[in-house]
């Protein structure tokens, strides 16, 4: 289940925050509790990014299928 905040995040916003989370985790120096919270946030952000990318892929696939069907229809008319 996604929160309203996550739904409001655009792909670029989620990606940029995810990059920052990964940077902080790689830098170390955080407590175990902080690291776990960062990791959980990173997982949430990765899901947001994945949903955006899957949506974009579906739109591209639909547009390509529509274009192919249109070209086939034109070819059949000739």
C-alpha atoms as a PDB file:
ATOM      1  CA  UNK A   1       0.000   0.000   0.000  1.00  0.00           C
ATOM      2  CA  UNK A   2       1.354   3.419  -0.875  1.00  0.00           C
ATOM      3  CA  UNK A   3       0.966   6.600   1.077  1.00  0.00           C
ATOM      4  CA  UNK A   4      -0.310   9.853  -0.396  1.00  0.00           C
ATOM      5  CA  UNK A   5       3.204  11.306  -0.052  1.00  0.00           C
ATOM      6  CA  UNK A   6       4.697   8.483  -2.121  1.00  0.00           C
ATOM      7  CA  UNK A   7       1.970   8.829  -4.738  1.00  0.00           C
ATOM      8  CA  UNK A   8       2.747  12.544  -5.022  1.00  0.00           C
ATOM      9  CA  UNK A   9       6.448  11.901  -5.685  1.00  0.00           C
ATOM     10  CA  UNK A  10       7.486  12.210  -9.280  1.00  0.00           C
ATOM     11  CA  UNK A  11      10.046   9.826 -10.718  1.00  0.00           C
ATOM     12  CA  UNK A  12      12.879  12.357 -10.589  1.00  0.00           C
ATOM     13  CA  UNK A  13      12.089  13.324  -6.995  1.00  0.00           C
ATOM     14  CA  UNK A  14      12.006   9.699  -5.859  1.00  0.00           C
ATOM     15  CA  UNK A  15      15.184   8.894  -7.788  1.00  0.00           C
ATOM     16  CA  UNK A  16      17.061  11.858  -6.341  1.00  0.00           C
ATOM     17  CA  UNK A  17      15.997  11.013  -2.794  1.00  0.00           C
ATOM     18  CA  UNK A  18      16.954   7.368  -3.373  1.00  0.00           C
ATOM     19  CA  UNK A  19      20.402   8.461  -4.539  1.00  0.00           C
ATOM     20  CA  UNK A  20      20.794  10.491  -1.346  1.00  0.00           C
ATOM     21  CA  UNK A  21      19.672   7.557   0.808  1.00  0.00           C
ATOM     22  CA  UNK A  22      22.198   5.255  -0.872  1.00  0.00           C
ATOM     23  CA  UNK A  23      24.939   7.874  -0.478  1.00  0.00           C
ATOM     24  CA  UNK A  24      24.216   8.172   3.241  1.00  0.00           C
ATOM     25  CA  UNK A  25      24.181   4.405   3.702  1.00  0.00           C
ATOM     26  CA  UNK A  26      27.452   3.991   1.812  1.00  0.00           C
ATOM     27  CA  UNK A  27      29.094   6.773   3.816  1.00  0.00           C
ATOM     28  CA  UNK A  28      28.365   4.950   7.045  1.00  0.00           C
ATOM     29  CA  UNK A  29      28.536   6.639  10.406  1.00  0.00           C
ATOM     30  CA  UNK A  30      24.863   6.056  11.171  1.00  0.00           C
ATOM     31  CA  UNK A  31      23.424   3.990  13.961  1.00  0.00           C
ATOM     32  CA  UNK A  32      21.827   0.662  13.249  1.00  0.00           C
ATOM     33  CA  UNK A  33      18.399   2.206  13.801  1.00  0.00           C
ATOM     34  CA  UNK A  34      19.160   5.072  11.401  1.00  0.00           C
ATOM     35  CA  UNK A  35      20.562   2.668   8.832  1.00  0.00           C
ATOM     36  CA  UNK A  36      17.440   0.500   8.997  1.00  0.00           C
ATOM     37  CA  UNK A  37      15.205   3.550   8.612  1.00  0.00           C
ATOM     38  CA  UNK A  38      17.248   4.689   5.608  1.00  0.00           C
ATOM     39  CA  UNK A  39      17.115   1.226   4.079  1.00  0.00           C
ATOM     40  CA  UNK A  40      13.329   1.060   4.529  1.00  0.00           C
ATOM     41  CA  UNK A  41      12.949   4.499   2.945  1.00  0.00           C
ATOM     42  CA  UNK A  42      15.185   3.385   0.088  1.00  0.00           C
ATOM     43  CA  UNK A  43      12.969   0.352  -0.512  1.00  0.00           C
ATOM     44  CA  UNK A  44       9.876   2.586  -0.605  1.00  0.00           C
ATOM     45  CA  UNK A  45      11.544   4.983  -3.031  1.00  0.00           C
ATOM     46  CA  UNK A  46      12.705   2.118  -5.241  1.00  0.00           C
ATOM     47  CA  UNK A  47       9.089   0.903  -5.445  1.00  0.00           C
ATOM     48  CA  UNK A  48       7.927   4.377  -6.450  1.00  0.00           C
ATOM     49  CA  UNK A  49      10.581   4.513  -9.182  1.00  0.00           C
ATOM     50  CA  UNK A  50       9.698   1.013 -10.365  1.00  0.00           C
ATOM     51  CA  UNK A  51       5.991   1.918 -10.618  1.00  0.00           C
ATOM     52  CA  UNK A  52       6.833   5.028 -12.656  1.00  0.00           C
ATOM     53  CA  UNK A  53       9.086   3.025 -14.979  1.00  0.00           C
ATOM     54  CA  UNK A  54       6.533   0.229 -15.373  1.00  0.00           C
ATOM     55  CA  UNK A  55       3.888   2.833 -16.208  1.00  0.00           C
ATOM     56  CA  UNK A  56       6.155   4.436 -18.763  1.00  0.00           C
ATOM     57  CA  UNK A  57       6.913   1.028 -20.298  1.00  0.00           C
ATOM     58  CA  UNK A  58       3.197   0.232 -20.544  1.00  0.00           C
ATOM     59  CA  UNK A  59       2.515   3.558 -22.267  1.00  0.00           C
ATOM     60  CA  UNK A  60       5.355   2.981 -24.727  1.00  0.00           C
ATOM     61  CA  UNK A  61       4.188  -0.558 -25.459  1.00  0.00           C
ATOM     62  CA  UNK A  62       0.642   0.680 -26.045  1.00  0.00           C
ATOM     63  CA  UNK A  63       1.837   3.449 -28.363  1.00  0.00           C
ATOM     64  CA  UNK A  64       4.035   1.039 -30.329  1.00  0.00           C
ATOM     65  CA  UNK A  65       1.199  -1.492 -30.616  1.00  0.00           C
ATOM     66  CA  UNK A  66      -1.153   1.236 -31.828  1.00  0.00           C
ATOM     67  CA  UNK A  67       1.401   2.385 -34.388  1.00  0.00           C
ATOM     68  CA  UNK A  68       1.958  -1.167 -35.616  1.00  0.00           C
ATOM     69  CA  UNK A  69      -1.800  -1.761 -35.924  1.00  0.00           C
ATOM     70  CA  UNK A  70      -2.178   1.488 -37.845  1.00  0.00           C
ATOM     71  CA  UNK A  71       0.623   0.532 -40.227  1.00  0.00           C
ATOM     72  CA  UNK A  72      -0.914  -2.912 -40.751  1.00  0.00           C
ATOM     73  CA  UNK A  73      -4.292  -1.355 -41.502  1.00  0.00           C
ATOM     74  CA  UNK A  74      -2.710   1.025 -44.017  1.00  0.00           C
ATOM     75  CA  UNK A  75      -0.841  -1.829 -45.676  1.00  0.00           C
ATOM     76  CA  UNK A  76      -4.033  -3.906 -45.920  1.00  0.00           C
ATOM     77  CA  UNK A  77      -5.832  -1.016 -47.637  1.00  0.00           C
ATOM     78  CA  UNK A  78      -3.221  -0.876 -50.412  1.00  0.00           C
END
